[in-house]
């Protein structure tokens, strides 16, 4: 069955068996609206991939090293990640009940039957299209700036508390609740509790939340690198030349900002 719309469905595959990955990838390439944007072979890799790429759909093996498929969904929920739709794929049927309790969209048994896969893909199309129709409109951009817009930020490095000019900040990132601020010359920790709190105190025309875990200074972007077909990474102007993922939902803004 052909897709009812022209929008593509960004899709990630997660399976520790390369043969299974290759077979599923081959079958999915028969659907013009399915866009394969990445794959993972372990549970932790699947978590990172989903957080970075923010796909619409994930085909997820139940039994994987490091963290099983059900554990991947739980971890993403615990970390507050915006969840894609999941289709579980496994050779075992005893996980079906738990999968649906975790709101998996479908449950496929291996070896995957092509007609059964067609049913799953059509179900995913329907859910994703319905979600797109009912999604609230994006808030209008405003030119108003924060009431308190800081030009200096305190950054802790070792035993020192350094005051940094905001324009010297290259990017900030959060990991395990701690915010690291990377400047042109060094990096250190911030007292801010969240990326949102830091962002609200900086110039919104300069600092852009390109990903749930990254806030970048647009004047410190050195290079835009195509990544996973329709997405990008930003190479930053710090000493390490850090590469930062742009979330799928921010890719449209990136294209408009840089005329890509």
C-alpha atoms as a PDB file:
ATOM      1  CA  UNK A   1       0.000   0.000   0.000  1.00  0.00           C
ATOM      2  CA  UNK A   2       1.286   3.435  -0.905  1.00  0.00           C
ATOM      3  CA  UNK A   3       1.504   6.211   1.673  1.00  0.00           C
ATOM      4  CA  UNK A   4      -1.443   8.605   1.891  1.00  0.00           C
ATOM      5  CA  UNK A   5       0.757  11.682   2.266  1.00  0.00           C
ATOM      6  CA  UNK A   6       4.079  12.948   1.079  1.00  0.00           C
ATOM      7  CA  UNK A   7       5.678  13.421   4.513  1.00  0.00           C
ATOM      8  CA  UNK A   8       8.464  11.010   5.350  1.00  0.00           C
ATOM      9  CA  UNK A   9       8.603   8.959   8.532  1.00  0.00           C
ATOM     10  CA  UNK A  10      12.081   9.172  10.051  1.00  0.00           C
ATOM     11  CA  UNK A  11      12.927   5.718  11.371  1.00  0.00           C
ATOM     12  CA  UNK A  12      15.617   4.168  13.570  1.00  0.00           C
ATOM     13  CA  UNK A  13      16.404   0.442  13.696  1.00  0.00           C
ATOM     14  CA  UNK A  14      17.834  -1.166  16.847  1.00  0.00           C
ATOM     15  CA  UNK A  15      18.966  -4.803  16.815  1.00  0.00           C
ATOM     16  CA  UNK A  16      22.176  -6.534  17.909  1.00  0.00           C
ATOM     17  CA  UNK A  17      22.026  -9.003  15.007  1.00  0.00           C
ATOM     18  CA  UNK A  18      23.429  -7.478  11.821  1.00  0.00           C
ATOM     19  CA  UNK A  19      21.580  -9.973   9.622  1.00  0.00           C
ATOM     20  CA  UNK A  20      18.270  -8.962  11.217  1.00  0.00           C
ATOM     21  CA  UNK A  21      19.135  -5.269  10.751  1.00  0.00           C
ATOM     22  CA  UNK A  22      19.998  -5.810   7.097  1.00  0.00           C
ATOM     23  CA  UNK A  23      16.818  -7.809   6.434  1.00  0.00           C
ATOM     24  CA  UNK A  24      14.536  -5.262   8.103  1.00  0.00           C
ATOM     25  CA  UNK A  25      16.321  -2.404   6.364  1.00  0.00           C
ATOM     26  CA  UNK A  26      15.826  -4.120   3.002  1.00  0.00           C
ATOM     27  CA  UNK A  27      12.097  -4.589   3.606  1.00  0.00           C
ATOM     28  CA  UNK A  28      11.592  -1.009   4.797  1.00  0.00           C
ATOM     29  CA  UNK A  29      13.358   0.423   1.771  1.00  0.00           C
ATOM     30  CA  UNK A  30      10.363  -0.751  -0.252  1.00  0.00           C
ATOM     31  CA  UNK A  31       8.289   1.994   1.408  1.00  0.00           C
ATOM     32  CA  UNK A  32       9.011   5.429  -0.137  1.00  0.00           C
ATOM     33  CA  UNK A  33       7.818   7.297   2.950  1.00  0.00           C
ATOM     34  CA  UNK A  34      10.045   5.399   5.414  1.00  0.00           C
ATOM     35  CA  UNK A  35      13.340   7.284   5.840  1.00  0.00           C
ATOM     36  CA  UNK A  36      16.001   5.254   7.672  1.00  0.00           C
ATOM     37  CA  UNK A  37      18.018   7.787   9.684  1.00  0.00           C
ATOM     38  CA  UNK A  38      20.122   5.546  11.928  1.00  0.00           C
ATOM     39  CA  UNK A  39      20.690   2.170  13.550  1.00  0.00           C
ATOM     40  CA  UNK A  40      21.970   0.858  16.879  1.00  0.00           C
ATOM     41  CA  UNK A  41      23.199  -2.520  18.063  1.00  0.00           C
ATOM     42  CA  UNK A  42      23.020  -2.081  21.862  1.00  0.00           C
ATOM     43  CA  UNK A  43      20.419  -0.698  24.245  1.00  0.00           C
ATOM     44  CA  UNK A  44      22.514   2.293  25.417  1.00  0.00           C
ATOM     45  CA  UNK A  45      23.350   3.142  21.787  1.00  0.00           C
ATOM     46  CA  UNK A  46      19.644   3.018  20.951  1.00  0.00           C
ATOM     47  CA  UNK A  47      18.878   5.485  23.767  1.00  0.00           C
ATOM     48  CA  UNK A  48      21.537   7.914  22.546  1.00  0.00           C
ATOM     49  CA  UNK A  49      20.475   7.553  18.923  1.00  0.00           C
ATOM     50  CA  UNK A  50      16.818   8.238  19.710  1.00  0.00           C
ATOM     51  CA  UNK A  51      17.676  11.271  21.845  1.00  0.00           C
ATOM     52  CA  UNK A  52      19.932  12.735  19.161  1.00  0.00           C
ATOM     53  CA  UNK A  53      17.908  11.989  16.033  1.00  0.00           C
ATOM     54  CA  UNK A  54      14.386  12.283  17.532  1.00  0.00           C
ATOM     55  CA  UNK A  55      12.816   9.910  14.979  1.00  0.00           C
ATOM     56  CA  UNK A  56       9.111   9.396  14.329  1.00  0.00           C
ATOM     57  CA  UNK A  57       9.371   5.610  14.534  1.00  0.00           C
ATOM     58  CA  UNK A  58      11.699   2.990  16.044  1.00  0.00           C
ATOM     59  CA  UNK A  59      11.859  -0.730  15.252  1.00  0.00           C
ATOM     60  CA  UNK A  60      13.291  -2.119  18.474  1.00  0.00           C
ATOM     61  CA  UNK A  61      14.622  -5.594  19.244  1.00  0.00           C
ATOM     62  CA  UNK A  62      13.658  -6.802  22.711  1.00  0.00           C
ATOM     63  CA  UNK A  63      16.871  -8.651  23.577  1.00  0.00           C
ATOM     64  CA  UNK A  64      19.980  -6.466  23.163  1.00  0.00           C
ATOM     65  CA  UNK A  65      23.232  -6.142  25.138  1.00  0.00           C
ATOM     66  CA  UNK A  66      23.594  -3.405  27.723  1.00  0.00           C
ATOM     67  CA  UNK A  67      19.878  -2.668  27.975  1.00  0.00           C
ATOM     68  CA  UNK A  68      16.977  -4.620  26.513  1.00  0.00           C
ATOM     69  CA  UNK A  69      14.365  -3.038  24.284  1.00  0.00           C
ATOM     70  CA  UNK A  70      11.807  -2.614  27.061  1.00  0.00           C
ATOM     71  CA  UNK A  71      14.532  -1.067  29.191  1.00  0.00           C
ATOM     72  CA  UNK A  72      15.279   1.387  26.364  1.00  0.00           C
ATOM     73  CA  UNK A  73      11.692   2.660  26.475  1.00  0.00           C
ATOM     74  CA  UNK A  74      11.762   2.912  30.270  1.00  0.00           C
ATOM     75  CA  UNK A  75      15.073   4.804  30.216  1.00  0.00           C
ATOM     76  CA  UNK A  76      13.756   7.298  27.670  1.00  0.00           C
ATOM     77  CA  UNK A  77      10.651   7.871  29.782  1.00  0.00           C
ATOM     78  CA  UNK A  78      12.720   8.352  32.932  1.00  0.00           C
ATOM     79  CA  UNK A  79      14.878  10.960  31.182  1.00  0.00           C
ATOM     80  CA  UNK A  80      11.871  12.837  29.869  1.00  0.00           C
ATOM     81  CA  UNK A  81      12.709  12.214  26.217  1.00  0.00           C
ATOM     82  CA  UNK A  82      10.030  12.992  23.650  1.00  0.00           C
ATOM     83  CA  UNK A  83       9.046   9.455  22.663  1.00  0.00           C
ATOM     84  CA  UNK A  84       8.700   8.176  19.098  1.00  0.00           C
ATOM     85  CA  UNK A  85       6.369   5.328  18.221  1.00  0.00           C
ATOM     86  CA  UNK A  86       7.877   1.906  18.908  1.00  0.00           C
ATOM     87  CA  UNK A  87       7.400  -1.359  17.047  1.00  0.00           C
ATOM     88  CA  UNK A  88       8.977  -4.225  18.984  1.00  0.00           C
ATOM     89  CA  UNK A  89      10.606  -7.036  16.995  1.00  0.00           C
ATOM     90  CA  UNK A  90      11.669 -10.279  18.670  1.00  0.00           C
ATOM     91  CA  UNK A  91      11.731 -14.051  18.307  1.00  0.00           C
ATOM     92  CA  UNK A  92       9.875 -14.422  21.619  1.00  0.00           C
ATOM     93  CA  UNK A  93       6.216 -13.690  22.317  1.00  0.00           C
ATOM     94  CA  UNK A  94       6.337 -13.559  26.141  1.00  0.00           C
ATOM     95  CA  UNK A  95       7.190  -9.857  26.159  1.00  0.00           C
ATOM     96  CA  UNK A  96       4.095  -8.764  24.231  1.00  0.00           C
ATOM     97  CA  UNK A  97       1.956  -7.833  27.256  1.00  0.00           C
ATOM     98  CA  UNK A  98       4.719  -5.752  28.839  1.00  0.00           C
ATOM     99  CA  UNK A  99       5.445  -4.104  25.499  1.00  0.00           C
ATOM    100  CA  UNK A 100       1.862  -2.914  25.130  1.00  0.00           C
ATOM    101  CA  UNK A 101       1.836  -1.777  28.759  1.00  0.00           C
ATOM    102  CA  UNK A 102       4.723   0.485  27.743  1.00  0.00           C
ATOM    103  CA  UNK A 103       2.510   1.742  24.886  1.00  0.00           C
ATOM    104  CA  UNK A 104       4.386   0.064  22.048  1.00  0.00           C
ATOM    105  CA  UNK A 105       2.574   0.579  18.767  1.00  0.00           C
ATOM    106  CA  UNK A 106       2.974  -3.016  17.573  1.00  0.00           C
ATOM    107  CA  UNK A 107       4.797  -6.282  18.274  1.00  0.00           C
ATOM    108  CA  UNK A 108       6.380  -8.310  15.468  1.00  0.00           C
ATOM    109  CA  UNK A 109       7.656 -11.855  15.782  1.00  0.00           C
ATOM    110  CA  UNK A 110      10.834 -12.885  13.965  1.00  0.00           C
ATOM    111  CA  UNK A 111      11.305 -13.958  11.263  1.00  0.00           C
ATOM    112  CA  UNK A 112       9.267 -10.962  10.183  1.00  0.00           C
ATOM    113  CA  UNK A 113       6.499 -11.687   7.693  1.00  0.00           C
ATOM    114  CA  UNK A 114       6.274  -9.038   4.952  1.00  0.00           C
ATOM    115  CA  UNK A 115       2.471  -8.895   5.056  1.00  0.00           C
ATOM    116  CA  UNK A 116       2.548  -8.482   8.834  1.00  0.00           C
ATOM    117  CA  UNK A 117       5.187  -5.749   8.455  1.00  0.00           C
ATOM    118  CA  UNK A 118       2.868  -3.967   6.018  1.00  0.00           C
ATOM    119  CA  UNK A 119       0.193  -3.884   8.723  1.00  0.00           C
ATOM    120  CA  UNK A 120       2.658  -2.367  11.202  1.00  0.00           C
ATOM    121  CA  UNK A 121       3.884   0.282   8.771  1.00  0.00           C
ATOM    122  CA  UNK A 122       0.333   1.277   7.863  1.00  0.00           C
ATOM    123  CA  UNK A 123      -0.546   1.535  11.565  1.00  0.00           C
ATOM    124  CA  UNK A 124       2.494   3.750  12.137  1.00  0.00           C
ATOM    125  CA  UNK A 125       1.476   5.989   9.218  1.00  0.00           C
ATOM    126  CA  UNK A 126      -2.006   6.388  10.610  1.00  0.00           C
ATOM    127  CA  UNK A 127      -0.847   7.255  14.128  1.00  0.00           C
ATOM    128  CA  UNK A 128       1.849   9.677  12.944  1.00  0.00           C
ATOM    129  CA  UNK A 129      -0.533  11.429  10.543  1.00  0.00           C
ATOM    130  CA  UNK A 130      -3.200  11.728  13.251  1.00  0.00           C
ATOM    131  CA  UNK A 131      -0.614  13.123  15.656  1.00  0.00           C
ATOM    132  CA  UNK A 132       0.517  15.704  13.092  1.00  0.00           C
ATOM    133  CA  UNK A 133      -3.081  16.836  12.484  1.00  0.00           C
ATOM    134  CA  UNK A 134      -3.830  17.279  16.173  1.00  0.00           C
ATOM    135  CA  UNK A 135      -0.488  18.859  17.160  1.00  0.00           C
ATOM    136  CA  UNK A 136      -0.812  22.416  18.491  1.00  0.00           C
ATOM    137  CA  UNK A 137       0.640  25.139  16.249  1.00  0.00           C
ATOM    138  CA  UNK A 138       4.189  26.253  16.960  1.00  0.00           C
ATOM    139  CA  UNK A 139       4.328  29.370  19.123  1.00  0.00           C
ATOM    140  CA  UNK A 140       4.983  32.585  17.225  1.00  0.00           C
ATOM    141  CA  UNK A 141       8.496  33.916  17.510  1.00  0.00           C
ATOM    142  CA  UNK A 142       8.786  37.106  19.517  1.00  0.00           C
ATOM    143  CA  UNK A 143      11.430  39.749  19.426  1.00  0.00           C
ATOM    144  CA  UNK A 144      11.048  40.543  23.121  1.00  0.00           C
ATOM    145  CA  UNK A 145      14.106  39.791  25.212  1.00  0.00           C
ATOM    146  CA  UNK A 146      14.300  38.541  28.799  1.00  0.00           C
ATOM    147  CA  UNK A 147      13.745  41.104  31.515  1.00  0.00           C
ATOM    148  CA  UNK A 148      17.202  40.276  32.871  1.00  0.00           C
ATOM    149  CA  UNK A 149      19.650  39.545  30.072  1.00  0.00           C
ATOM    150  CA  UNK A 150      23.109  38.739  31.357  1.00  0.00           C
ATOM    151  CA  UNK A 151      26.299  39.577  29.502  1.00  0.00           C
ATOM    152  CA  UNK A 152      28.459  37.790  32.081  1.00  0.00           C
ATOM    153  CA  UNK A 153      28.224  34.190  33.277  1.00  0.00           C
ATOM    154  CA  UNK A 154      30.019  32.543  36.199  1.00  0.00           C
ATOM    155  CA  UNK A 155      31.844  29.337  35.268  1.00  0.00           C
ATOM    156  CA  UNK A 156      33.566  27.090  37.803  1.00  0.00           C
ATOM    157  CA  UNK A 157      36.775  25.385  36.750  1.00  0.00           C
ATOM    158  CA  UNK A 158      38.739  23.563  39.418  1.00  0.00           C
ATOM    159  CA  UNK A 159      38.772  25.788  42.510  1.00  0.00           C
ATOM    160  CA  UNK A 160      38.300  28.986  40.490  1.00  0.00           C
ATOM    161  CA  UNK A 161      35.114  30.953  39.810  1.00  0.00           C
ATOM    162  CA  UNK A 162      35.621  32.710  36.487  1.00  0.00           C
ATOM    163  CA  UNK A 163      33.419  35.436  35.015  1.00  0.00           C
ATOM    164  CA  UNK A 164      32.950  34.891  31.269  1.00  0.00           C
ATOM    165  CA  UNK A 165      31.619  37.268  28.648  1.00  0.00           C
ATOM    166  CA  UNK A 166      28.514  35.736  27.099  1.00  0.00           C
ATOM    167  CA  UNK A 167      29.888  36.206  23.576  1.00  0.00           C
ATOM    168  CA  UNK A 168      32.858  33.962  24.544  1.00  0.00           C
ATOM    169  CA  UNK A 169      30.534  31.052  25.334  1.00  0.00           C
ATOM    170  CA  UNK A 170      30.623  28.550  22.476  1.00  0.00           C
ATOM    171  CA  UNK A 171      27.966  26.190  23.808  1.00  0.00           C
ATOM    172  CA  UNK A 172      26.503  24.674  26.956  1.00  0.00           C
ATOM    173  CA  UNK A 173      25.385  21.103  27.520  1.00  0.00           C
ATOM    174  CA  UNK A 174      23.675  19.190  30.308  1.00  0.00           C
ATOM    175  CA  UNK A 175      24.481  15.648  31.428  1.00  0.00           C
ATOM    176  CA  UNK A 176      23.179  13.933  34.573  1.00  0.00           C
ATOM    177  CA  UNK A 177      21.776  17.236  35.779  1.00  0.00           C
ATOM    178  CA  UNK A 178      25.088  19.135  35.505  1.00  0.00           C
ATOM    179  CA  UNK A 179      25.608  21.941  32.998  1.00  0.00           C
ATOM    180  CA  UNK A 180      28.985  22.293  31.325  1.00  0.00           C
ATOM    181  CA  UNK A 181      29.792  25.624  29.699  1.00  0.00           C
ATOM    182  CA  UNK A 182      32.392  25.516  26.914  1.00  0.00           C
ATOM    183  CA  UNK A 183      34.116  28.790  26.056  1.00  0.00           C
ATOM    184  CA  UNK A 184      36.694  29.716  23.455  1.00  0.00           C
ATOM    185  CA  UNK A 185      39.528  28.969  25.898  1.00  0.00           C
ATOM    186  CA  UNK A 186      38.284  26.543  28.568  1.00  0.00           C
ATOM    187  CA  UNK A 187      35.263  24.697  29.944  1.00  0.00           C
ATOM    188  CA  UNK A 188      33.731  24.472  33.394  1.00  0.00           C
ATOM    189  CA  UNK A 189      30.533  23.962  35.363  1.00  0.00           C
ATOM    190  CA  UNK A 190      27.613  26.369  35.677  1.00  0.00           C
ATOM    191  CA  UNK A 191      25.434  27.027  38.739  1.00  0.00           C
ATOM    192  CA  UNK A 192      22.302  26.995  36.615  1.00  0.00           C
ATOM    193  CA  UNK A 193      20.087  23.987  37.237  1.00  0.00           C
ATOM    194  CA  UNK A 194      18.655  23.597  33.732  1.00  0.00           C
ATOM    195  CA  UNK A 195      19.485  24.567  30.164  1.00  0.00           C
ATOM    196  CA  UNK A 196      16.181  26.467  30.053  1.00  0.00           C
ATOM    197  CA  UNK A 197      17.203  28.605  33.019  1.00  0.00           C
ATOM    198  CA  UNK A 198      20.564  29.428  31.446  1.00  0.00           C
ATOM    199  CA  UNK A 199      18.973  30.189  28.087  1.00  0.00           C
ATOM    200  CA  UNK A 200      16.392  32.538  29.630  1.00  0.00           C
ATOM    201  CA  UNK A 201      19.209  34.751  30.942  1.00  0.00           C
ATOM    202  CA  UNK A 202      21.036  35.057  27.627  1.00  0.00           C
ATOM    203  CA  UNK A 203      20.346  36.885  24.375  1.00  0.00           C
ATOM    204  CA  UNK A 204      17.725  34.814  22.476  1.00  0.00           C
ATOM    205  CA  UNK A 205      19.009  36.226  19.177  1.00  0.00           C
ATOM    206  CA  UNK A 206      22.412  34.650  19.844  1.00  0.00           C
ATOM    207  CA  UNK A 207      21.827  31.510  21.924  1.00  0.00           C
ATOM    208  CA  UNK A 208      19.820  28.749  20.300  1.00  0.00           C
ATOM    209  CA  UNK A 209      18.559  25.484  21.810  1.00  0.00           C
ATOM    210  CA  UNK A 210      19.461  23.149  18.930  1.00  0.00           C
ATOM    211  CA  UNK A 211      18.853  19.989  20.949  1.00  0.00           C
ATOM    212  CA  UNK A 212      17.288  19.121  24.274  1.00  0.00           C
ATOM    213  CA  UNK A 213      20.805  18.813  25.739  1.00  0.00           C
ATOM    214  CA  UNK A 214      22.625  21.618  23.892  1.00  0.00           C
ATOM    215  CA  UNK A 215      22.488  25.415  23.791  1.00  0.00           C
ATOM    216  CA  UNK A 216      24.776  26.987  21.175  1.00  0.00           C
ATOM    217  CA  UNK A 217      26.084  30.442  20.346  1.00  0.00           C
ATOM    218  CA  UNK A 218      25.117  30.849  16.683  1.00  0.00           C
ATOM    219  CA  UNK A 219      28.101  33.138  16.150  1.00  0.00           C
ATOM    220  CA  UNK A 220      30.414  30.273  17.136  1.00  0.00           C
ATOM    221  CA  UNK A 221      29.161  27.762  14.555  1.00  0.00           C
ATOM    222  CA  UNK A 222      32.137  26.887  12.355  1.00  0.00           C
ATOM    223  CA  UNK A 223      30.672  24.265  10.032  1.00  0.00           C
ATOM    224  CA  UNK A 224      27.367  22.525   9.280  1.00  0.00           C
ATOM    225  CA  UNK A 225      27.846  18.802   8.686  1.00  0.00           C
ATOM    226  CA  UNK A 226      25.154  16.660   6.976  1.00  0.00           C
ATOM    227  CA  UNK A 227      24.313  13.769   9.300  1.00  0.00           C
ATOM    228  CA  UNK A 228      21.869  10.876   9.007  1.00  0.00           C
ATOM    229  CA  UNK A 229      20.493  12.021   5.672  1.00  0.00           C
ATOM    230  CA  UNK A 230      18.064  14.784   6.624  1.00  0.00           C
ATOM    231  CA  UNK A 231      19.671  15.994   9.853  1.00  0.00           C
ATOM    232  CA  UNK A 232      22.847  17.922  10.670  1.00  0.00           C
ATOM    233  CA  UNK A 233      25.628  18.355  13.188  1.00  0.00           C
ATOM    234  CA  UNK A 234      27.229  21.679  14.043  1.00  0.00           C
ATOM    235  CA  UNK A 235      31.002  21.878  14.331  1.00  0.00           C
ATOM    236  CA  UNK A 236      31.721  24.529  16.919  1.00  0.00           C
ATOM    237  CA  UNK A 237      34.526  27.060  17.262  1.00  0.00           C
ATOM    238  CA  UNK A 238      36.032  25.682  20.487  1.00  0.00           C
ATOM    239  CA  UNK A 239      39.468  24.122  20.890  1.00  0.00           C
ATOM    240  CA  UNK A 240      38.127  20.589  20.428  1.00  0.00           C
ATOM    241  CA  UNK A 241      36.008  21.444  17.399  1.00  0.00           C
ATOM    242  CA  UNK A 242      33.035  19.847  19.148  1.00  0.00           C
ATOM    243  CA  UNK A 243      30.291  18.415  16.948  1.00  0.00           C
ATOM    244  CA  UNK A 244      26.768  18.971  18.249  1.00  0.00           C
ATOM    245  CA  UNK A 245      23.612  17.265  16.936  1.00  0.00           C
ATOM    246  CA  UNK A 246      20.691  19.342  15.711  1.00  0.00           C
ATOM    247  CA  UNK A 247      17.394  17.772  16.674  1.00  0.00           C
ATOM    248  CA  UNK A 248      14.999  16.930  13.900  1.00  0.00           C
ATOM    249  CA  UNK A 249      12.499  19.539  15.060  1.00  0.00           C
ATOM    250  CA  UNK A 250      15.198  22.261  14.926  1.00  0.00           C
ATOM    251  CA  UNK A 251      16.459  21.303  11.467  1.00  0.00           C
ATOM    252  CA  UNK A 252      13.847  23.492   9.777  1.00  0.00           C
ATOM    253  CA  UNK A 253      15.060  26.525  11.730  1.00  0.00           C
ATOM    254  CA  UNK A 254      18.667  25.681  10.843  1.00  0.00           C
ATOM    255  CA  UNK A 255      17.837  25.605   7.139  1.00  0.00           C
ATOM    256  CA  UNK A 256      16.097  28.974   7.405  1.00  0.00           C
ATOM    257  CA  UNK A 257      18.846  30.518   9.540  1.00  0.00           C
ATOM    258  CA  UNK A 258      21.702  29.514   7.241  1.00  0.00           C
ATOM    259  CA  UNK A 259      19.776  29.336   3.945  1.00  0.00           C
ATOM    260  CA  UNK A 260      20.597  25.645   3.476  1.00  0.00           C
END
